[in-house]
Every structure is written in C-alpha cells, then in structure tokens.
Amino acid sequence: MPELETYEVFAARPGKEQPLRHVGSVRAGSSAMAAVYAKTIYDEWRWKSMFVVPRTACVRVIAPA
C-alpha cells in the first residue's frame, strides 16, 4: 500500500476570472487519487477549475508566530 500524502486543493468559481482559492485538503497515495478525492469531496460548487498540490510543494512565506 502506498504511503499517504496530504494534497492541498485549490479551485476557482465559474464566471468572471476568479482567482484560485484554497478549499481544503485530501490525503491520498497518488496525485491521481488525490484528484478523484478532491473532485468527489469539493465539487459541490461546480468549480470552473480545480488543482491538487502536494503539501510538500507549498513554500511557506510567513511562519506562524
């Protein structure tokens, strides 16, 4: 069984050019499965676009105090 990784989920609403926003996260063994989980869990708003990004790929700009 593959080790699970956390993926952050970003999506944009339909309509005018809306910026991506963070809508949640999923844990999956691959990016393909993360995409399936994200679409299943977060697609209630009918997003125009949706992306999953491994949390390890995110760069912290400001550390919590």
N, C-alpha and C. Protein backbone atom coordinates (compact mmCIF):
# COMPACT_ATOMS: atom_id res chain seq x y z
N MET A 1 0.85 -1.19 0.00
CA MET A 1 0.00 0.00 0.00
C MET A 1 0.89 1.25 0.00
N PRO A 2 0.62 2.21 -0.90
CA PRO A 2 1.45 3.42 -0.95
C PRO A 2 1.25 4.28 0.30
N GLU A 3 2.29 5.00 0.66
CA GLU A 3 2.19 5.91 1.80
C GLU A 3 1.30 7.09 1.42
N LEU A 4 0.44 7.50 2.33
CA LEU A 4 -0.47 8.62 2.05
C LEU A 4 0.25 9.95 2.19
N GLU A 5 -0.09 10.86 1.30
CA GLU A 5 0.46 12.21 1.30
C GLU A 5 -0.70 13.19 1.35
N THR A 6 -0.48 14.34 1.96
CA THR A 6 -1.51 15.38 2.01
C THR A 6 -1.39 16.26 0.78
N TYR A 7 -2.52 16.50 0.12
CA TYR A 7 -2.60 17.38 -1.04
C TYR A 7 -3.52 18.53 -0.71
N GLU A 8 -3.11 19.75 -1.02
CA GLU A 8 -3.95 20.92 -0.85
C GLU A 8 -4.80 21.09 -2.11
N VAL A 9 -6.05 21.48 -1.92
CA VAL A 9 -6.99 21.61 -3.03
C VAL A 9 -7.30 23.09 -3.26
N PHE A 10 -7.10 23.54 -4.49
CA PHE A 10 -7.38 24.91 -4.89
C PHE A 10 -8.39 24.89 -6.02
N ALA A 11 -9.32 25.85 -6.02
CA ALA A 11 -10.35 25.88 -7.06
C ALA A 11 -10.75 27.32 -7.36
N ALA A 12 -11.38 27.52 -8.54
CA ALA A 12 -11.89 28.83 -8.95
C ALA A 12 -13.35 28.69 -9.35
N ARG A 13 -14.13 29.66 -8.99
CA ARG A 13 -15.55 29.65 -9.34
C ARG A 13 -15.76 29.97 -10.82
N PRO A 14 -16.88 29.51 -11.36
CA PRO A 14 -17.18 29.87 -12.75
C PRO A 14 -17.55 31.35 -12.86
N GLY A 15 -17.56 31.85 -14.06
CA GLY A 15 -17.94 33.24 -14.27
C GLY A 15 -16.73 34.09 -14.61
N LYS A 16 -16.71 35.32 -14.11
CA LYS A 16 -15.59 36.21 -14.36
C LYS A 16 -14.30 35.55 -13.89
N GLU A 17 -13.19 36.06 -14.37
CA GLU A 17 -11.89 35.50 -13.99
C GLU A 17 -11.70 35.60 -12.48
N GLN A 18 -12.02 34.54 -11.81
CA GLN A 18 -11.89 34.48 -10.36
C GLN A 18 -10.54 33.87 -10.01
N PRO A 19 -9.90 34.35 -8.96
CA PRO A 19 -8.63 33.75 -8.55
C PRO A 19 -8.87 32.39 -7.91
N LEU A 20 -7.84 31.56 -7.93
CA LEU A 20 -7.91 30.29 -7.22
C LEU A 20 -7.98 30.58 -5.73
N ARG A 21 -8.67 29.72 -5.01
CA ARG A 21 -8.68 29.84 -3.56
C ARG A 21 -8.54 28.46 -2.95
N HIS A 22 -7.98 28.41 -1.77
CA HIS A 22 -7.79 27.15 -1.07
C HIS A 22 -9.14 26.69 -0.55
N VAL A 23 -9.55 25.47 -0.90
CA VAL A 23 -10.86 24.98 -0.46
C VAL A 23 -10.76 23.80 0.49
N GLY A 24 -9.56 23.25 0.68
CA GLY A 24 -9.41 22.14 1.61
C GLY A 24 -8.21 21.28 1.28
N SER A 25 -8.21 20.08 1.84
CA SER A 25 -7.11 19.16 1.59
C SER A 25 -7.63 17.73 1.58
N VAL A 26 -6.85 16.84 0.99
CA VAL A 26 -7.17 15.41 0.95
C VAL A 26 -5.88 14.64 1.20
N ARG A 27 -6.02 13.40 1.64
CA ARG A 27 -4.87 12.51 1.81
C ARG A 27 -5.03 11.36 0.83
N ALA A 28 -3.97 11.11 0.06
CA ALA A 28 -4.04 10.08 -0.98
C ALA A 28 -2.66 9.49 -1.22
N GLY A 29 -2.65 8.32 -1.86
CA GLY A 29 -1.41 7.64 -2.18
C GLY A 29 -0.80 8.06 -3.49
N SER A 30 -1.52 8.86 -4.29
CA SER A 30 -1.00 9.35 -5.58
C SER A 30 -1.75 10.62 -5.96
N SER A 31 -1.17 11.38 -6.88
CA SER A 31 -1.84 12.60 -7.33
C SER A 31 -3.13 12.28 -8.07
N ALA A 32 -3.16 11.15 -8.78
CA ALA A 32 -4.38 10.76 -9.49
C ALA A 32 -5.51 10.50 -8.50
N MET A 33 -5.20 9.79 -7.41
CA MET A 33 -6.24 9.53 -6.41
C MET A 33 -6.62 10.81 -5.67
N ALA A 34 -5.65 11.69 -5.45
CA ALA A 34 -5.95 12.97 -4.81
C ALA A 34 -6.94 13.76 -5.66
N ALA A 35 -6.77 13.73 -6.98
CA ALA A 35 -7.69 14.42 -7.88
C ALA A 35 -9.10 13.84 -7.78
N VAL A 36 -9.20 12.52 -7.72
CA VAL A 36 -10.51 11.87 -7.59
C VAL A 36 -11.16 12.27 -6.27
N TYR A 37 -10.41 12.21 -5.17
CA TYR A 37 -10.96 12.57 -3.86
C TYR A 37 -11.39 14.03 -3.83
N ALA A 38 -10.55 14.92 -4.38
CA ALA A 38 -10.87 16.35 -4.38
C ALA A 38 -12.15 16.62 -5.14
N LYS A 39 -12.28 16.03 -6.33
CA LYS A 39 -13.49 16.25 -7.13
C LYS A 39 -14.72 15.70 -6.41
N THR A 40 -14.58 14.55 -5.78
CA THR A 40 -15.70 13.93 -5.07
C THR A 40 -16.12 14.76 -3.86
N ILE A 41 -15.15 15.24 -3.10
CA ILE A 41 -15.45 15.94 -1.84
C ILE A 41 -15.82 17.40 -2.05
N TYR A 42 -15.11 18.10 -2.95
CA TYR A 42 -15.24 19.56 -3.04
C TYR A 42 -15.97 20.08 -4.27
N ASP A 43 -16.55 19.23 -5.09
CA ASP A 43 -17.17 19.72 -6.32
C ASP A 43 -18.62 20.17 -6.16
N GLU A 44 -19.09 20.35 -4.94
CA GLU A 44 -20.49 20.77 -4.76
C GLU A 44 -20.75 22.17 -5.32
N TRP A 45 -19.70 22.97 -5.52
CA TRP A 45 -19.88 24.33 -6.02
C TRP A 45 -19.71 24.43 -7.52
N ARG A 46 -19.44 23.33 -8.21
CA ARG A 46 -19.25 23.34 -9.67
C ARG A 46 -18.16 24.33 -10.07
N TRP A 47 -16.98 24.10 -9.58
CA TRP A 47 -15.84 24.97 -9.85
C TRP A 47 -15.50 25.01 -11.33
N LYS A 48 -14.98 26.12 -11.78
CA LYS A 48 -14.52 26.26 -13.16
C LYS A 48 -13.22 25.49 -13.34
N SER A 49 -12.35 25.53 -12.34
CA SER A 49 -11.10 24.77 -12.38
C SER A 49 -10.74 24.34 -10.96
N MET A 50 -10.00 23.25 -10.88
CA MET A 50 -9.59 22.71 -9.59
C MET A 50 -8.21 22.09 -9.75
N PHE A 51 -7.35 22.29 -8.73
CA PHE A 51 -6.00 21.76 -8.73
C PHE A 51 -5.71 21.10 -7.39
N VAL A 52 -4.91 20.04 -7.41
CA VAL A 52 -4.37 19.46 -6.19
C VAL A 52 -2.85 19.62 -6.24
N VAL A 53 -2.28 20.00 -5.10
CA VAL A 53 -0.85 20.25 -5.00
C VAL A 53 -0.33 19.52 -3.77
N PRO A 54 0.73 18.73 -3.91
CA PRO A 54 1.29 18.09 -2.72
C PRO A 54 1.68 19.16 -1.70
N ARG A 55 1.31 18.95 -0.45
CA ARG A 55 1.63 19.94 0.58
C ARG A 55 3.14 20.21 0.63
N THR A 56 3.94 19.20 0.36
CA THR A 56 5.40 19.38 0.39
C THR A 56 5.89 20.33 -0.70
N ALA A 57 5.08 20.60 -1.72
CA ALA A 57 5.46 21.51 -2.80
C ALA A 57 5.13 22.97 -2.44
N CYS A 58 4.36 23.17 -1.39
CA CYS A 58 3.99 24.53 -0.98
C CYS A 58 5.16 25.16 -0.24
N VAL A 59 5.41 26.41 -0.54
CA VAL A 59 6.50 27.15 0.09
C VAL A 59 5.93 28.09 1.13
N ARG A 60 6.36 27.92 2.39
CA ARG A 60 5.89 28.79 3.47
C ARG A 60 6.58 30.13 3.33
N VAL A 61 5.79 31.20 3.27
CA VAL A 61 6.32 32.55 3.14
C VAL A 61 6.43 33.21 4.51
N ILE A 62 5.41 33.02 5.34
CA ILE A 62 5.41 33.57 6.69
C ILE A 62 5.15 32.43 7.66
N ALA A 63 6.03 32.24 8.60
CA ALA A 63 5.86 31.18 9.59
C ALA A 63 4.92 31.65 10.69
N PRO A 64 4.12 30.71 11.26
CA PRO A 64 3.23 31.11 12.36
C PRO A 64 4.05 31.58 13.56
N ALA A 65 3.49 32.53 14.28
CA ALA A 65 4.19 33.09 15.45
C ALA A 65 4.19 32.13 16.60
